[in-house]
Amino acid sequence: MDRSHTRSILVLFVAVMVGILASRFIRSLWPDPVVMFVATAGVIMAVDLLLTALLERTGWGGGRE
């Protein structure tokens, strides 16, 4: 496994952890399972895209190796 795969896995792990924390917060506001699932998935996708873009912009992304 090369560095770009390791970074991708770490970014996804951080995104999932943030999504789990967000789901606990969302559950306290609106306990509907569908809303919780959609909001959690949205948070995971947003954090994943944000971290990937930040890594690419700072030169730590996998595309410049």
N, C-alpha and C. Protein backbone atom coordinates (compact mmCIF):
# COMPACT_ATOMS: atom_id res chain seq x y z
N MET A 1 0.86 -1.18 0.00
CA MET A 1 0.00 0.00 0.00
C MET A 1 0.91 1.25 0.00
N ASP A 2 0.68 2.12 -0.97
CA ASP A 2 1.51 3.32 -1.06
C ASP A 2 0.93 4.46 -0.22
N ARG A 3 1.61 5.58 -0.25
CA ARG A 3 1.23 6.70 0.62
C ARG A 3 -0.13 7.28 0.29
N SER A 4 -0.48 7.33 -0.99
CA SER A 4 -1.77 7.93 -1.36
C SER A 4 -2.92 7.10 -0.81
N HIS A 5 -2.76 5.76 -0.81
CA HIS A 5 -3.81 4.91 -0.23
C HIS A 5 -3.90 5.10 1.28
N THR A 6 -2.76 5.22 1.92
CA THR A 6 -2.75 5.44 3.37
C THR A 6 -3.43 6.76 3.72
N ARG A 7 -3.13 7.80 2.95
CA ARG A 7 -3.77 9.10 3.20
C ARG A 7 -5.27 9.02 2.97
N SER A 8 -5.67 8.31 1.91
CA SER A 8 -7.10 8.18 1.63
C SER A 8 -7.82 7.46 2.76
N ILE A 9 -7.20 6.42 3.29
CA ILE A 9 -7.81 5.67 4.39
C ILE A 9 -7.89 6.55 5.64
N LEU A 10 -6.85 7.32 5.92
CA LEU A 10 -6.88 8.21 7.08
C LEU A 10 -7.94 9.29 6.94
N VAL A 11 -8.06 9.87 5.74
CA VAL A 11 -9.08 10.89 5.50
C VAL A 11 -10.46 10.29 5.69
N LEU A 12 -10.69 9.10 5.15
CA LEU A 12 -11.99 8.46 5.30
C LEU A 12 -12.28 8.12 6.76
N PHE A 13 -11.27 7.67 7.50
CA PHE A 13 -11.44 7.36 8.92
C PHE A 13 -11.85 8.61 9.70
N VAL A 14 -11.16 9.71 9.46
CA VAL A 14 -11.50 10.96 10.15
C VAL A 14 -12.91 11.40 9.78
N ALA A 15 -13.26 11.27 8.50
CA ALA A 15 -14.60 11.66 8.05
C ALA A 15 -15.68 10.82 8.73
N VAL A 16 -15.44 9.52 8.86
CA VAL A 16 -16.43 8.65 9.51
C VAL A 16 -16.55 8.98 10.99
N MET A 17 -15.44 9.26 11.65
CA MET A 17 -15.50 9.61 13.07
C MET A 17 -16.29 10.91 13.27
N VAL A 18 -16.05 11.89 12.42
CA VAL A 18 -16.81 13.15 12.51
C VAL A 18 -18.29 12.88 12.22
N GLY A 19 -18.56 12.00 11.26
CA GLY A 19 -19.95 11.64 10.94
C GLY A 19 -20.65 10.97 12.11
N ILE A 20 -19.94 10.11 12.82
CA ILE A 20 -20.54 9.45 13.99
C ILE A 20 -20.84 10.47 15.08
N LEU A 21 -19.93 11.39 15.31
CA LEU A 21 -20.19 12.45 16.30
C LEU A 21 -21.37 13.31 15.87
N ALA A 22 -21.44 13.62 14.58
CA ALA A 22 -22.56 14.42 14.08
C ALA A 22 -23.88 13.67 14.23
N SER A 23 -23.87 12.36 14.02
CA SER A 23 -25.11 11.60 14.14
C SER A 23 -25.63 11.61 15.57
N ARG A 24 -24.73 11.59 16.53
CA ARG A 24 -25.17 11.67 17.93
C ARG A 24 -25.81 13.02 18.22
N PHE A 25 -25.26 14.09 17.65
CA PHE A 25 -25.84 15.42 17.83
C PHE A 25 -27.18 15.52 17.11
N ILE A 26 -27.24 15.01 15.90
CA ILE A 26 -28.48 15.07 15.11
C ILE A 26 -29.58 14.25 15.77
N ARG A 27 -29.21 13.10 16.36
CA ARG A 27 -30.20 12.26 17.05
C ARG A 27 -30.85 13.02 18.20
N SER A 28 -30.09 13.89 18.86
CA SER A 28 -30.68 14.66 19.96
C SER A 28 -31.64 15.74 19.45
N LEU A 29 -31.42 16.22 18.24
CA LEU A 29 -32.29 17.24 17.68
C LEU A 29 -33.52 16.65 16.98
N TRP A 30 -33.28 15.60 16.18
CA TRP A 30 -34.35 15.03 15.36
C TRP A 30 -34.14 13.52 15.29
N PRO A 31 -34.85 12.75 16.09
CA PRO A 31 -34.57 11.32 16.23
C PRO A 31 -35.05 10.43 15.08
N ASP A 32 -35.54 10.99 13.98
CA ASP A 32 -36.00 10.18 12.85
C ASP A 32 -34.80 9.48 12.20
N PRO A 33 -34.85 8.14 12.03
CA PRO A 33 -33.70 7.41 11.48
C PRO A 33 -33.31 7.84 10.06
N VAL A 34 -34.29 8.18 9.24
CA VAL A 34 -33.97 8.58 7.86
C VAL A 34 -33.21 9.90 7.86
N VAL A 35 -33.67 10.85 8.64
CA VAL A 35 -32.98 12.14 8.74
C VAL A 35 -31.58 11.94 9.29
N MET A 36 -31.44 11.09 10.29
CA MET A 36 -30.15 10.81 10.88
C MET A 36 -29.19 10.20 9.85
N PHE A 37 -29.68 9.25 9.07
CA PHE A 37 -28.84 8.59 8.07
C PHE A 37 -28.39 9.58 6.99
N VAL A 38 -29.33 10.36 6.48
CA VAL A 38 -29.00 11.31 5.41
C VAL A 38 -28.03 12.39 5.92
N ALA A 39 -28.28 12.90 7.10
CA ALA A 39 -27.40 13.93 7.66
C ALA A 39 -26.00 13.38 7.94
N THR A 40 -25.93 12.16 8.48
CA THR A 40 -24.63 11.55 8.76
C THR A 40 -23.86 11.31 7.48
N ALA A 41 -24.53 10.79 6.46
CA ALA A 41 -23.87 10.56 5.17
C ALA A 41 -23.40 11.88 4.56
N GLY A 42 -24.20 12.91 4.69
CA GLY A 42 -23.81 14.22 4.18
C GLY A 42 -22.59 14.78 4.89
N VAL A 43 -22.54 14.62 6.20
CA VAL A 43 -21.39 15.10 6.97
C VAL A 43 -20.13 14.32 6.58
N ILE A 44 -20.25 13.01 6.44
CA ILE A 44 -19.10 12.19 6.05
C ILE A 44 -18.58 12.62 4.67
N MET A 45 -19.48 12.80 3.72
CA MET A 45 -19.06 13.22 2.38
C MET A 45 -18.42 14.60 2.40
N ALA A 46 -19.00 15.52 3.14
CA ALA A 46 -18.46 16.89 3.19
C ALA A 46 -17.07 16.92 3.82
N VAL A 47 -16.90 16.21 4.92
CA VAL A 47 -15.59 16.19 5.59
C VAL A 47 -14.56 15.50 4.71
N ASP A 48 -14.95 14.43 4.04
CA ASP A 48 -14.04 13.73 3.14
C ASP A 48 -13.58 14.65 2.01
N LEU A 49 -14.52 15.33 1.38
CA LEU A 49 -14.16 16.25 0.29
C LEU A 49 -13.31 17.42 0.79
N LEU A 50 -13.65 17.95 1.96
CA LEU A 50 -12.90 19.07 2.51
C LEU A 50 -11.46 18.67 2.83
N LEU A 51 -11.28 17.56 3.52
CA LEU A 51 -9.93 17.13 3.87
C LEU A 51 -9.12 16.77 2.63
N THR A 52 -9.74 16.12 1.66
CA THR A 52 -9.03 15.78 0.42
C THR A 52 -8.60 17.05 -0.31
N ALA A 53 -9.48 18.03 -0.39
CA ALA A 53 -9.13 19.29 -1.06
C ALA A 53 -8.02 20.02 -0.31
N LEU A 54 -8.08 20.02 1.01
CA LEU A 54 -7.03 20.68 1.79
C LEU A 54 -5.68 19.98 1.61
N LEU A 55 -5.69 18.65 1.60
CA LEU A 55 -4.44 17.92 1.39
C LEU A 55 -3.87 18.18 0.00
N GLU A 56 -4.72 18.21 -1.01
CA GLU A 56 -4.26 18.50 -2.36
C GLU A 56 -3.70 19.92 -2.45
N ARG A 57 -4.36 20.85 -1.84
CA ARG A 57 -3.94 22.26 -1.93
C ARG A 57 -2.61 22.50 -1.21
N THR A 58 -2.38 21.80 -0.11
CA THR A 58 -1.14 21.99 0.63
C THR A 58 0.00 21.13 0.11
N GLY A 59 -0.29 20.27 -0.86
CA GLY A 59 0.77 19.44 -1.43
C GLY A 59 0.92 18.09 -0.77
N TRP A 60 0.06 17.76 0.16
CA TRP A 60 0.14 16.47 0.85
C TRP A 60 -0.71 15.41 0.18
N GLY A 61 -1.41 15.76 -0.88
CA GLY A 61 -2.28 14.81 -1.57
C GLY A 61 -1.48 13.79 -2.36
N GLY A 62 -2.15 12.76 -2.80
CA GLY A 62 -1.48 11.68 -3.52
C GLY A 62 -1.16 12.00 -4.96
N GLY A 63 -1.70 13.07 -5.53
CA GLY A 63 -1.52 13.35 -6.94
C GLY A 63 -0.15 13.91 -7.31
N ARG A 64 0.64 14.35 -6.37
CA ARG A 64 1.91 15.02 -6.68
C ARG A 64 3.13 14.17 -6.37
N GLU A 65 2.96 12.90 -6.18
CA GLU A 65 4.11 12.06 -5.85
C GLU A 65 4.75 11.50 -7.09
